[in-house]
Amino acid sequence: MNPVTRRLLDDVDDPALAELALAWDALEELVVQIYRQGGCSSSQAAEFTRRRRRCRLAVRPWLRHLDPHWRAVRVAGDPATKNPFEAVLAVDHAEEVCGNWALMQQLPAAREALNGLLLARAAAPLVSDGA
């Protein structure tokens, strides 16, 4: 797991938010792996589908809470104009990751937004709204 995210999770007692962080980390790791390889095996494609599904379920209740955080980040040096989580999750098939530099540029923005949410929750815990 991303070391900054791991450290921030230590200060947040919210299983649903931890699930989002874990699901995102797993998807991000596979996306980077597929991109670097320039292709994917059938098992990686199946795993991408599973991780994407898990992540979509985990992020859904947090979208409203992530909103101010992703709006404060930059993508490729410019202010984010769309939710980077939704941009990554819009990729339907693992093969679409290959050569997709625009997609890869969404990953740091999403990570920064996630870490921002974790930091905010650690500083001022809120009751989870079913997430």
N, C-alpha and C. Protein backbone atom coordinates (compact mmCIF):
# COMPACT_ATOMS: atom_id res chain seq x y z
N MET A 1 0.84 -1.18 0.00
CA MET A 1 0.00 0.00 0.00
C MET A 1 0.88 1.24 0.00
N ASN A 2 0.34 2.29 -0.57
CA ASN A 2 1.03 3.57 -0.57
C ASN A 2 1.37 3.93 0.88
N PRO A 3 2.64 4.25 1.17
CA PRO A 3 3.04 4.48 2.56
C PRO A 3 2.36 5.67 3.23
N VAL A 4 2.08 6.71 2.48
CA VAL A 4 1.39 7.87 3.06
C VAL A 4 -0.05 7.48 3.42
N THR A 5 -0.70 6.78 2.52
CA THR A 5 -2.06 6.33 2.77
C THR A 5 -2.09 5.40 3.98
N ARG A 6 -1.13 4.48 4.04
CA ARG A 6 -1.05 3.54 5.17
C ARG A 6 -0.94 4.31 6.49
N ARG A 7 -0.08 5.31 6.53
CA ARG A 7 0.10 6.09 7.75
C ARG A 7 -1.17 6.85 8.11
N LEU A 8 -1.81 7.44 7.14
CA LEU A 8 -3.05 8.17 7.40
C LEU A 8 -4.16 7.25 7.89
N LEU A 9 -4.20 6.04 7.36
CA LEU A 9 -5.22 5.07 7.79
C LEU A 9 -5.07 4.71 9.26
N ASP A 10 -3.85 4.77 9.77
CA ASP A 10 -3.61 4.47 11.18
C ASP A 10 -4.38 5.42 12.10
N ASP A 11 -4.70 6.61 11.60
CA ASP A 11 -5.38 7.63 12.41
C ASP A 11 -6.88 7.72 12.13
N VAL A 12 -7.39 6.84 11.30
CA VAL A 12 -8.81 6.87 10.94
C VAL A 12 -9.44 5.54 11.31
N ASP A 13 -10.44 5.61 12.16
CA ASP A 13 -11.15 4.40 12.58
C ASP A 13 -12.49 4.33 11.86
N ASP A 14 -12.41 3.97 10.60
CA ASP A 14 -13.62 3.86 9.78
C ASP A 14 -13.41 2.71 8.79
N PRO A 15 -14.00 1.56 9.07
CA PRO A 15 -13.79 0.39 8.20
C PRO A 15 -14.19 0.62 6.74
N ALA A 16 -15.22 1.40 6.52
CA ALA A 16 -15.66 1.64 5.14
C ALA A 16 -14.64 2.50 4.39
N LEU A 17 -14.08 3.47 5.08
CA LEU A 17 -13.06 4.30 4.45
C LEU A 17 -11.77 3.50 4.23
N ALA A 18 -11.46 2.63 5.18
CA ALA A 18 -10.31 1.74 5.00
C ALA A 18 -10.53 0.83 3.80
N GLU A 19 -11.74 0.34 3.62
CA GLU A 19 -12.04 -0.51 2.46
C GLU A 19 -11.84 0.25 1.17
N LEU A 20 -12.26 1.51 1.13
CA LEU A 20 -12.02 2.32 -0.06
C LEU A 20 -10.53 2.43 -0.34
N ALA A 21 -9.75 2.74 0.69
CA ALA A 21 -8.30 2.89 0.51
C ALA A 21 -7.67 1.59 0.02
N LEU A 22 -8.07 0.48 0.58
CA LEU A 22 -7.52 -0.82 0.18
C LEU A 22 -7.94 -1.18 -1.25
N ALA A 23 -9.21 -0.94 -1.56
CA ALA A 23 -9.70 -1.25 -2.91
C ALA A 23 -9.01 -0.38 -3.95
N TRP A 24 -8.86 0.90 -3.64
CA TRP A 24 -8.20 1.80 -4.58
C TRP A 24 -6.75 1.40 -4.78
N ASP A 25 -6.07 1.09 -3.69
CA ASP A 25 -4.68 0.71 -3.77
C ASP A 25 -4.49 -0.53 -4.65
N ALA A 26 -5.37 -1.50 -4.48
CA ALA A 26 -5.27 -2.73 -5.27
C ALA A 26 -5.51 -2.45 -6.76
N LEU A 27 -6.50 -1.63 -7.07
CA LEU A 27 -6.77 -1.29 -8.47
C LEU A 27 -5.62 -0.49 -9.06
N GLU A 28 -5.16 0.50 -8.33
CA GLU A 28 -4.06 1.34 -8.81
C GLU A 28 -2.82 0.50 -9.11
N GLU A 29 -2.50 -0.41 -8.22
CA GLU A 29 -1.32 -1.27 -8.41
C GLU A 29 -1.43 -2.07 -9.71
N LEU A 30 -2.60 -2.63 -9.96
CA LEU A 30 -2.78 -3.42 -11.18
C LEU A 30 -2.77 -2.54 -12.43
N VAL A 31 -3.37 -1.38 -12.36
CA VAL A 31 -3.37 -0.46 -13.51
C VAL A 31 -1.94 -0.09 -13.88
N VAL A 32 -1.13 0.23 -12.89
CA VAL A 32 0.27 0.58 -13.16
C VAL A 32 1.01 -0.61 -13.76
N GLN A 33 0.77 -1.77 -13.22
CA GLN A 33 1.43 -2.99 -13.73
C GLN A 33 1.07 -3.23 -15.20
N ILE A 34 -0.19 -3.14 -15.52
CA ILE A 34 -0.64 -3.37 -16.91
C ILE A 34 -0.06 -2.30 -17.83
N TYR A 35 -0.08 -1.06 -17.39
CA TYR A 35 0.47 0.02 -18.21
C TYR A 35 1.95 -0.22 -18.50
N ARG A 36 2.70 -0.55 -17.47
CA ARG A 36 4.14 -0.78 -17.64
C ARG A 36 4.44 -1.96 -18.56
N GLN A 37 3.62 -2.98 -18.48
CA GLN A 37 3.80 -4.16 -19.33
C GLN A 37 3.42 -3.88 -20.78
N GLY A 38 2.52 -2.93 -20.98
CA GLY A 38 2.05 -2.64 -22.32
C GLY A 38 1.05 -3.67 -22.82
N GLY A 39 0.51 -4.44 -21.91
CA GLY A 39 -0.47 -5.46 -22.25
C GLY A 39 -0.87 -6.20 -20.99
N CYS A 40 -1.82 -7.11 -21.14
CA CYS A 40 -2.23 -7.86 -19.96
C CYS A 40 -2.64 -9.27 -20.35
N SER A 41 -2.46 -10.15 -19.41
CA SER A 41 -2.87 -11.54 -19.61
C SER A 41 -4.37 -11.65 -19.34
N SER A 42 -4.93 -12.78 -19.67
CA SER A 42 -6.36 -13.00 -19.40
C SER A 42 -6.62 -13.00 -17.90
N SER A 43 -5.67 -13.51 -17.12
CA SER A 43 -5.88 -13.50 -15.67
C SER A 43 -5.81 -12.07 -15.12
N GLN A 44 -4.93 -11.25 -15.68
CA GLN A 44 -4.89 -9.84 -15.25
C GLN A 44 -6.16 -9.11 -15.66
N ALA A 45 -6.68 -9.41 -16.82
CA ALA A 45 -7.92 -8.79 -17.27
C ALA A 45 -9.08 -9.15 -16.34
N ALA A 46 -9.13 -10.41 -15.94
CA ALA A 46 -10.17 -10.85 -15.01
C ALA A 46 -9.99 -10.18 -13.65
N GLU A 47 -8.76 -10.09 -13.21
CA GLU A 47 -8.47 -9.44 -11.92
C GLU A 47 -8.80 -7.96 -11.99
N PHE A 48 -8.55 -7.31 -13.12
CA PHE A 48 -8.91 -5.91 -13.29
C PHE A 48 -10.41 -5.74 -13.11
N THR A 49 -11.19 -6.61 -13.71
CA THR A 49 -12.64 -6.54 -13.60
C THR A 49 -13.08 -6.69 -12.15
N ARG A 50 -12.49 -7.64 -11.43
CA ARG A 50 -12.83 -7.85 -10.02
C ARG A 50 -12.45 -6.62 -9.18
N ARG A 51 -11.24 -6.12 -9.37
CA ARG A 51 -10.78 -4.98 -8.56
C ARG A 51 -11.57 -3.72 -8.89
N ARG A 52 -11.89 -3.53 -10.14
CA ARG A 52 -12.68 -2.36 -10.55
C ARG A 52 -14.07 -2.42 -9.91
N ARG A 53 -14.68 -3.58 -9.93
CA ARG A 53 -16.01 -3.76 -9.33
C ARG A 53 -15.95 -3.46 -7.82
N ARG A 54 -14.94 -4.02 -7.14
CA ARG A 54 -14.78 -3.78 -5.71
C ARG A 54 -14.60 -2.28 -5.44
N CYS A 55 -13.80 -1.64 -6.24
CA CYS A 55 -13.52 -0.22 -6.05
C CYS A 55 -14.76 0.63 -6.31
N ARG A 56 -15.51 0.29 -7.33
CA ARG A 56 -16.73 1.05 -7.64
C ARG A 56 -17.70 1.00 -6.46
N LEU A 57 -17.82 -0.17 -5.85
CA LEU A 57 -18.71 -0.32 -4.69
C LEU A 57 -18.17 0.46 -3.49
N ALA A 58 -16.86 0.41 -3.30
CA ALA A 58 -16.26 1.07 -2.14
C ALA A 58 -16.28 2.59 -2.26
N VAL A 59 -16.13 3.12 -3.46
CA VAL A 59 -16.04 4.58 -3.63
C VAL A 59 -17.41 5.25 -3.66
N ARG A 60 -18.43 4.54 -4.07
CA ARG A 60 -19.76 5.15 -4.26
C ARG A 60 -20.22 5.98 -3.06
N PRO A 61 -20.18 5.46 -1.84
CA PRO A 61 -20.67 6.26 -0.71
C PRO A 61 -19.76 7.43 -0.34
N TRP A 62 -18.56 7.45 -0.88
CA TRP A 62 -17.59 8.48 -0.51
C TRP A 62 -17.45 9.58 -1.55
N LEU A 63 -18.13 9.47 -2.66
CA LEU A 63 -17.96 10.45 -3.74
C LEU A 63 -18.23 11.88 -3.26
N ARG A 64 -19.27 12.06 -2.50
CA ARG A 64 -19.61 13.39 -1.98
C ARG A 64 -18.50 13.93 -1.08
N HIS A 65 -17.91 13.06 -0.27
CA HIS A 65 -16.85 13.47 0.65
C HIS A 65 -15.53 13.72 -0.09
N LEU A 66 -15.33 13.02 -1.19
CA LEU A 66 -14.11 13.19 -1.99
C LEU A 66 -14.16 14.45 -2.86
N ASP A 67 -15.35 14.93 -3.10
CA ASP A 67 -15.53 16.05 -4.03
C ASP A 67 -14.62 17.25 -3.75
N PRO A 68 -14.59 17.80 -2.55
CA PRO A 68 -13.72 18.97 -2.35
C PRO A 68 -12.23 18.62 -2.47
N HIS A 69 -11.90 17.37 -2.23
CA HIS A 69 -10.49 16.97 -2.28
C HIS A 69 -9.99 16.82 -3.72
N TRP A 70 -10.80 16.20 -4.58
CA TRP A 70 -10.32 16.06 -5.96
C TRP A 70 -10.36 17.40 -6.69
N ARG A 71 -11.27 18.27 -6.29
CA ARG A 71 -11.34 19.59 -6.93
C ARG A 71 -10.11 20.45 -6.59
N ALA A 72 -9.39 20.07 -5.54
CA ALA A 72 -8.21 20.83 -5.12
C ALA A 72 -6.90 20.29 -5.70
N VAL A 73 -6.97 19.20 -6.47
CA VAL A 73 -5.74 18.60 -6.99
C VAL A 73 -5.51 19.01 -8.45
N ARG A 74 -4.35 18.63 -8.92
CA ARG A 74 -3.97 18.93 -10.31
C ARG A 74 -3.78 17.61 -11.05
N VAL A 75 -4.11 17.66 -12.32
CA VAL A 75 -3.89 16.52 -13.22
C VAL A 75 -3.00 17.03 -14.34
N ALA A 76 -1.83 16.44 -14.46
CA ALA A 76 -0.87 16.85 -15.49
C ALA A 76 -0.57 18.35 -15.41
N GLY A 77 -0.53 18.88 -14.20
CA GLY A 77 -0.18 20.28 -13.99
C GLY A 77 -1.33 21.26 -14.05
N ASP A 78 -2.49 20.80 -14.44
CA ASP A 78 -3.66 21.67 -14.53
C ASP A 78 -4.69 21.29 -13.46
N PRO A 79 -5.51 22.25 -13.04
CA PRO A 79 -6.56 21.91 -12.07
C PRO A 79 -7.45 20.79 -12.61
N ALA A 80 -7.79 19.86 -11.73
CA ALA A 80 -8.67 18.75 -12.13
C ALA A 80 -10.02 19.30 -12.59
N THR A 81 -10.50 18.80 -13.70
CA THR A 81 -11.81 19.23 -14.21
C THR A 81 -12.85 18.14 -14.10
N LYS A 82 -12.40 16.94 -13.74
CA LYS A 82 -13.34 15.83 -13.52
C LYS A 82 -12.79 14.96 -12.41
N ASN A 83 -13.68 14.23 -11.81
CA ASN A 83 -13.32 13.36 -10.70
C ASN A 83 -12.35 12.28 -11.20
N PRO A 84 -11.13 12.22 -10.66
CA PRO A 84 -10.17 11.23 -11.15
C PRO A 84 -10.56 9.79 -10.82
N PHE A 85 -11.32 9.58 -9.77
CA PHE A 85 -11.80 8.24 -9.45
C PHE A 85 -12.75 7.76 -10.54
N GLU A 86 -13.69 8.63 -10.90
CA GLU A 86 -14.64 8.28 -11.95
C GLU A 86 -13.93 8.09 -13.29
N ALA A 87 -12.90 8.89 -13.54
CA ALA A 87 -12.15 8.75 -14.80
C ALA A 87 -11.48 7.39 -14.88
N VAL A 88 -10.88 6.95 -13.81
CA VAL A 88 -10.21 5.63 -13.80
C VAL A 88 -11.25 4.52 -13.86
N LEU A 89 -12.31 4.65 -13.09
CA LEU A 89 -13.33 3.60 -13.05
C LEU A 89 -14.15 3.54 -14.33
N ALA A 90 -14.06 4.56 -15.16
CA ALA A 90 -14.77 4.54 -16.44
C ALA A 90 -14.12 3.60 -17.45
N VAL A 91 -12.91 3.18 -17.17
CA VAL A 91 -12.22 2.23 -18.04
C VAL A 91 -12.87 0.86 -17.84
N ASP A 92 -13.51 0.36 -18.87
CA ASP A 92 -14.27 -0.88 -18.76
C ASP A 92 -13.41 -2.14 -18.84
N HIS A 93 -12.33 -2.07 -19.61
CA HIS A 93 -11.52 -3.26 -19.86
C HIS A 93 -10.05 -2.97 -19.63
N ALA A 94 -9.36 -3.94 -19.08
CA ALA A 94 -7.94 -3.79 -18.76
C ALA A 94 -7.13 -3.38 -19.98
N GLU A 95 -7.51 -3.83 -21.13
CA GLU A 95 -6.77 -3.53 -22.35
C GLU A 95 -6.75 -2.03 -22.64
N GLU A 96 -7.75 -1.30 -22.13
CA GLU A 96 -7.83 0.14 -22.34
C GLU A 96 -6.76 0.90 -21.55
N VAL A 97 -6.11 0.22 -20.61
CA VAL A 97 -5.05 0.83 -19.82
C VAL A 97 -3.77 0.98 -20.66
N CYS A 98 -3.54 0.03 -21.53
CA CYS A 98 -2.30 -0.01 -22.32
C CYS A 98 -2.13 1.25 -23.15
N GLY A 99 -1.01 1.94 -22.94
CA GLY A 99 -0.71 3.13 -23.70
C GLY A 99 -1.57 4.34 -23.35
N ASN A 100 -2.36 4.25 -22.31
CA ASN A 100 -3.30 5.31 -21.96
C ASN A 100 -2.66 6.26 -20.94
N TRP A 101 -1.83 7.17 -21.43
CA TRP A 101 -1.13 8.10 -20.55
C TRP A 101 -2.10 9.03 -19.83
N ALA A 102 -3.17 9.43 -20.49
CA ALA A 102 -4.17 10.31 -19.85
C ALA A 102 -4.76 9.62 -18.62
N LEU A 103 -4.99 8.35 -18.70
CA LEU A 103 -5.49 7.59 -17.55
C LEU A 103 -4.47 7.57 -16.43
N MET A 104 -3.22 7.33 -16.78
CA MET A 104 -2.17 7.26 -15.77
C MET A 104 -2.03 8.58 -15.02
N GLN A 105 -2.31 9.68 -15.68
CA GLN A 105 -2.20 10.99 -15.04
C GLN A 105 -3.31 11.23 -14.02
N GLN A 106 -4.35 10.42 -14.08
CA GLN A 106 -5.43 10.54 -13.10
C GLN A 106 -5.07 9.89 -11.77
N LEU A 107 -4.16 8.92 -11.80
CA LEU A 107 -3.84 8.16 -10.59
C LEU A 107 -3.26 9.02 -9.46
N PRO A 108 -2.25 9.86 -9.72
CA PRO A 108 -1.74 10.69 -8.62
C PRO A 108 -2.80 11.66 -8.07
N ALA A 109 -3.65 12.16 -8.92
CA ALA A 109 -4.71 13.06 -8.48
C ALA A 109 -5.69 12.34 -7.56
N ALA A 110 -6.05 11.14 -7.95
CA ALA A 110 -6.96 10.35 -7.11
C ALA A 110 -6.30 10.02 -5.78
N ARG A 111 -5.03 9.64 -5.82
CA ARG A 111 -4.32 9.32 -4.57
C ARG A 111 -4.25 10.54 -3.65
N GLU A 112 -3.95 11.69 -4.23
CA GLU A 112 -3.88 12.91 -3.43
C GLU A 112 -5.24 13.24 -2.82
N ALA A 113 -6.31 13.07 -3.58
CA ALA A 113 -7.65 13.33 -3.06
C ALA A 113 -8.01 12.34 -1.95
N LEU A 114 -7.67 11.08 -2.14
CA LEU A 114 -7.93 10.07 -1.12
C LEU A 114 -7.16 10.40 0.16
N ASN A 115 -5.90 10.73 0.02
CA ASN A 115 -5.11 11.09 1.19
C ASN A 115 -5.65 12.35 1.86
N GLY A 116 -6.14 13.28 1.07
CA GLY A 116 -6.76 14.48 1.63
C GLY A 116 -7.99 14.15 2.46
N LEU A 117 -8.80 13.24 1.97
CA LEU A 117 -9.98 12.80 2.72
C LEU A 117 -9.56 12.11 4.01
N LEU A 118 -8.56 11.24 3.93
CA LEU A 118 -8.08 10.55 5.13
C LEU A 118 -7.55 11.54 6.15
N LEU A 119 -6.81 12.52 5.69
CA LEU A 119 -6.26 13.55 6.58
C LEU A 119 -7.38 14.34 7.24
N ALA A 120 -8.38 14.70 6.46
CA ALA A 120 -9.52 15.45 7.01
C ALA A 120 -10.28 14.61 8.03
N ARG A 121 -10.46 13.35 7.75
CA ARG A 121 -11.17 12.46 8.68
C ARG A 121 -10.37 12.25 9.96
N ALA A 122 -9.07 12.18 9.85
CA ALA A 122 -8.23 12.00 11.04
C ALA A 122 -8.31 13.25 11.92
N ALA A 123 -8.38 14.41 11.29
CA ALA A 123 -8.40 15.68 12.03
C ALA A 123 -9.77 15.94 12.65
N ALA A 124 -10.82 15.55 11.97
CA ALA A 124 -12.19 15.79 12.43
C ALA A 124 -13.07 14.62 12.05
N PRO A 125 -13.00 13.53 12.79
CA PRO A 125 -13.79 12.35 12.43
C PRO A 125 -15.29 12.65 12.38
N LEU A 126 -15.89 12.13 11.36
CA LEU A 126 -17.35 12.25 11.21
C LEU A 126 -17.95 10.87 11.27
N VAL A 127 -19.20 10.81 11.58
CA VAL A 127 -19.88 9.52 11.59
C VAL A 127 -20.05 9.08 10.14
N SER A 128 -19.66 7.86 9.85
CA SER A 128 -19.80 7.33 8.50
C SER A 128 -21.27 7.27 8.14
N ASP A 129 -21.61 7.69 6.95
CA ASP A 129 -23.00 7.67 6.52
C ASP A 129 -23.31 6.40 5.74
N GLY A 130 -23.01 5.28 6.37
CA GLY A 130 -23.31 4.00 5.74
C GLY A 130 -22.23 3.57 4.78
N ALA A 131 -21.20 4.33 4.65
CA ALA A 131 -20.14 4.00 3.72
C ALA A 131 -19.31 2.86 4.24
